[in-house]
Amino acid sequence: MVRRFRGEFDQKVDGKGRVSIPASFRRVLEAGDPQFTQGLSPELVIVYGDHRRKYLECYTMDAIAEVDDKIDALPRGSMERKMLQRLFHGQSFPTSVDETGRIVLPAKLRNKIELDDAAFFIAAGDTFQIWKPDTYQSEEAARTDEWLDDLPEDFDPLIYLDQAKEG
């Protein structure tokens, strides 16, 4: 069974761009890194993407391998493959969690999402996202609230699970 990221956390970012990965997230990164053994640091890939993406998406090694396999299945030379390679291979940053449970976010990534002294981490199943807290509240949380507000008061979103196709 694949471990999933769960929860949301506010984390401090120091002047060098170091930020602690929540402990529960570190366990998922360890489980999702085939090379991980006790005493080593789990690896991950941070996809920062194009100018429209206002957050950093962090993938376990298993999750990014799944994305890579799907990209590799596309016809070589196709525009779709070229664009996905650019977004997931070119606009990404491989890194590892240090012995204190932190990663270093380079200035380029911090500047892209306008991150300063605080970061908001939110789980997204087999990935997690790092946001500037204000951006998350004004854009993503507002979008969720708007979606919920458009539903009837007694609506249960779990009904969508019955519509999911089994793989």
Protein backbone atom coordinates (compact mmCIF):
# COMPACT_ATOMS: atom_id res chain seq x y z
CA MET A 1 0.00 0.00 0.00
CA VAL A 2 1.33 3.42 -0.99
CA ARG A 3 1.68 5.95 1.80
CA ARG A 4 0.00 9.29 1.13
CA PHE A 5 0.78 12.81 2.25
CA ARG A 6 -1.91 14.12 4.59
CA GLY A 7 -2.45 17.40 6.41
CA GLU A 8 -1.37 21.01 6.19
CA PHE A 9 1.40 22.79 8.04
CA ASP A 10 2.86 26.26 8.50
CA GLN A 11 6.66 26.21 8.47
CA LYS A 12 9.33 28.88 8.98
CA VAL A 13 11.85 29.60 6.22
CA ASP A 14 15.24 30.94 7.29
CA GLY A 15 17.38 33.47 5.42
CA LYS A 16 19.25 30.70 3.58
CA GLY A 17 16.02 29.14 2.32
CA ARG A 18 16.06 26.21 4.73
CA VAL A 19 12.65 24.87 5.71
CA SER A 20 11.70 21.85 7.81
CA ILE A 21 9.67 19.14 6.12
CA PRO A 22 6.82 18.04 8.43
CA ALA A 23 7.73 14.72 10.11
CA SER A 24 4.74 12.87 8.64
CA PHE A 25 5.75 14.07 5.16
CA ARG A 26 9.31 12.81 5.73
CA ARG A 27 7.94 9.30 6.43
CA VAL A 28 6.12 9.35 3.08
CA LEU A 29 9.25 10.59 1.29
CA GLU A 30 11.23 7.74 2.86
CA ALA A 31 8.63 5.14 1.84
CA GLY A 32 8.50 6.59 -1.70
CA ASP A 33 12.28 6.51 -2.24
CA PRO A 34 13.49 3.06 -3.39
CA GLN A 35 17.09 4.04 -2.55
CA PHE A 36 16.29 5.08 1.03
CA THR A 37 17.69 3.14 3.96
CA GLN A 38 18.04 4.16 7.60
CA GLY A 39 20.83 6.67 8.00
CA LEU A 40 20.42 8.08 4.49
CA SER A 41 18.42 11.11 3.40
CA PRO A 42 15.26 10.58 1.34
CA GLU A 43 15.28 12.22 -2.06
CA LEU A 44 12.47 14.14 -3.73
CA VAL A 45 11.86 16.24 -6.83
CA ILE A 46 10.42 19.74 -6.63
CA VAL A 47 8.60 20.77 -9.80
CA TYR A 48 8.28 24.55 -10.08
CA GLY A 49 6.82 24.64 -13.59
CA ASP A 50 5.86 27.56 -15.73
CA HIS A 51 4.90 31.15 -14.86
CA ARG A 52 1.28 30.19 -14.11
CA ARG A 53 2.19 27.86 -11.25
CA LYS A 54 2.21 29.75 -7.95
CA TYR A 55 3.40 26.88 -5.77
CA LEU A 56 6.09 24.22 -5.66
CA GLU A 57 4.93 20.62 -6.15
CA CYS A 58 7.05 18.03 -4.33
CA TYR A 59 7.13 14.45 -5.61
CA THR A 60 8.42 11.28 -4.00
CA MET A 61 10.88 9.40 -6.19
CA ASP A 62 8.20 6.78 -6.90
CA ALA A 63 5.63 9.44 -7.87
CA ILE A 64 8.01 11.27 -10.22
CA ALA A 65 9.03 7.93 -11.76
CA GLU A 66 5.37 7.31 -12.57
CA VAL A 67 5.16 10.72 -14.27
CA ASP A 68 8.41 10.01 -16.15
CA ASP A 69 7.04 6.66 -17.38
CA LYS A 70 3.92 8.36 -18.74
CA ILE A 71 6.01 11.03 -20.48
CA ASP A 72 8.27 8.34 -21.96
CA ALA A 73 5.20 6.54 -23.34
CA LEU A 74 4.32 9.54 -25.51
CA PRO A 75 5.63 9.56 -29.09
CA ARG A 76 9.21 10.80 -29.26
CA GLY A 77 9.26 14.20 -30.95
CA SER A 78 5.61 14.97 -30.19
CA MET A 79 4.81 18.43 -28.86
CA GLU A 80 3.09 16.91 -25.83
CA ARG A 81 6.21 14.94 -24.89
CA LYS A 82 8.49 17.94 -25.43
CA MET A 83 6.32 20.22 -23.30
CA LEU A 84 5.91 17.70 -20.49
CA GLN A 85 9.66 17.04 -20.51
CA ARG A 86 10.25 20.76 -20.18
CA LEU A 87 7.73 21.13 -17.35
CA PHE A 88 8.71 18.02 -15.37
CA HIS A 89 12.37 17.51 -16.25
CA GLY A 90 13.63 21.00 -17.06
CA GLN A 91 11.59 23.01 -14.58
CA SER A 92 12.31 20.85 -11.59
CA PHE A 93 14.83 20.64 -8.78
CA PRO A 94 16.00 17.30 -7.38
CA THR A 95 16.99 17.50 -3.72
CA SER A 96 17.13 15.53 -0.50
CA VAL A 97 16.07 16.02 3.08
CA ASP A 98 19.07 16.75 5.32
CA GLU A 99 19.84 15.02 8.63
CA THR A 100 17.83 17.68 10.52
CA GLY A 101 14.69 17.13 8.38
CA ARG A 102 15.10 20.23 6.24
CA ILE A 103 15.48 21.04 2.58
CA VAL A 104 17.07 24.14 1.08
CA LEU A 105 14.87 26.01 -1.37
CA PRO A 106 17.13 27.89 -3.81
CA ALA A 107 16.52 31.62 -4.27
CA LYS A 108 15.15 30.96 -7.79
CA LEU A 109 12.34 28.80 -6.38
CA ARG A 110 11.63 31.12 -3.44
CA ASN A 111 11.49 34.12 -5.78
CA LYS A 112 9.19 32.33 -8.21
CA ILE A 113 6.47 31.92 -5.58
CA GLU A 114 7.46 35.07 -3.63
CA LEU A 115 8.31 33.03 -0.54
CA ASP A 116 9.97 34.85 2.33
CA ASP A 117 9.98 33.80 6.00
CA ALA A 118 6.98 31.44 6.06
CA ALA A 119 5.76 28.55 3.93
CA PHE A 120 2.46 26.70 3.83
CA PHE A 121 2.65 22.96 3.14
CA ILE A 122 -0.47 21.08 2.01
CA ALA A 123 -0.83 17.42 1.15
CA ALA A 124 -2.08 16.39 -2.29
CA GLY A 125 -2.08 12.59 -2.09
CA ASP A 126 1.15 11.35 -3.67
CA THR A 127 2.61 14.88 -3.75
CA PHE A 128 2.62 17.90 -1.51
CA GLN A 129 2.68 21.58 -2.32
CA ILE A 130 4.61 24.49 -0.84
CA TRP A 131 2.87 27.87 -1.07
CA LYS A 132 3.40 31.39 0.12
CA PRO A 133 0.73 31.43 2.88
CA ASP A 134 -1.01 34.59 1.63
CA THR A 135 -1.18 33.27 -1.94
CA TYR A 136 -2.68 29.99 -0.79
CA GLN A 137 -5.35 31.75 1.28
CA SER A 138 -6.30 34.27 -1.39
CA GLU A 139 -6.32 31.88 -4.34
CA GLU A 140 -6.53 28.20 -3.52
CA ALA A 141 -8.52 28.27 -0.27
CA ALA A 142 -10.86 30.85 -1.81
CA ARG A 143 -11.40 28.56 -4.83
CA THR A 144 -12.32 25.65 -2.54
CA ASP A 145 -14.71 27.82 -0.53
CA GLU A 146 -16.35 29.07 -3.73
CA TRP A 147 -16.78 25.51 -5.00
CA LEU A 148 -18.35 24.39 -1.71
CA ASP A 149 -20.61 27.46 -1.56
CA ASP A 150 -22.08 26.54 -4.96
CA LEU A 151 -23.18 23.12 -3.67
CA PRO A 152 -26.46 22.49 -1.82
CA GLU A 153 -26.17 22.73 1.97
CA ASP A 154 -26.79 18.98 2.44
CA PHE A 155 -24.45 17.88 -0.38
CA ASP A 156 -21.79 15.33 0.58
CA PRO A 157 -18.65 15.58 -1.63
CA LEU A 158 -17.96 11.89 -0.97
CA ILE A 159 -20.54 11.12 -3.67
CA TYR A 160 -17.81 11.94 -6.21
CA LEU A 161 -15.91 8.85 -5.07
CA ASP A 162 -18.72 6.67 -6.39
CA GLN A 163 -18.09 8.20 -9.81
CA ALA A 164 -14.38 7.29 -9.79
CA LYS A 165 -13.42 4.58 -12.22
CA GLU A 166 -11.64 1.63 -10.74
CA GLY A 167 -8.24 0.98 -12.29
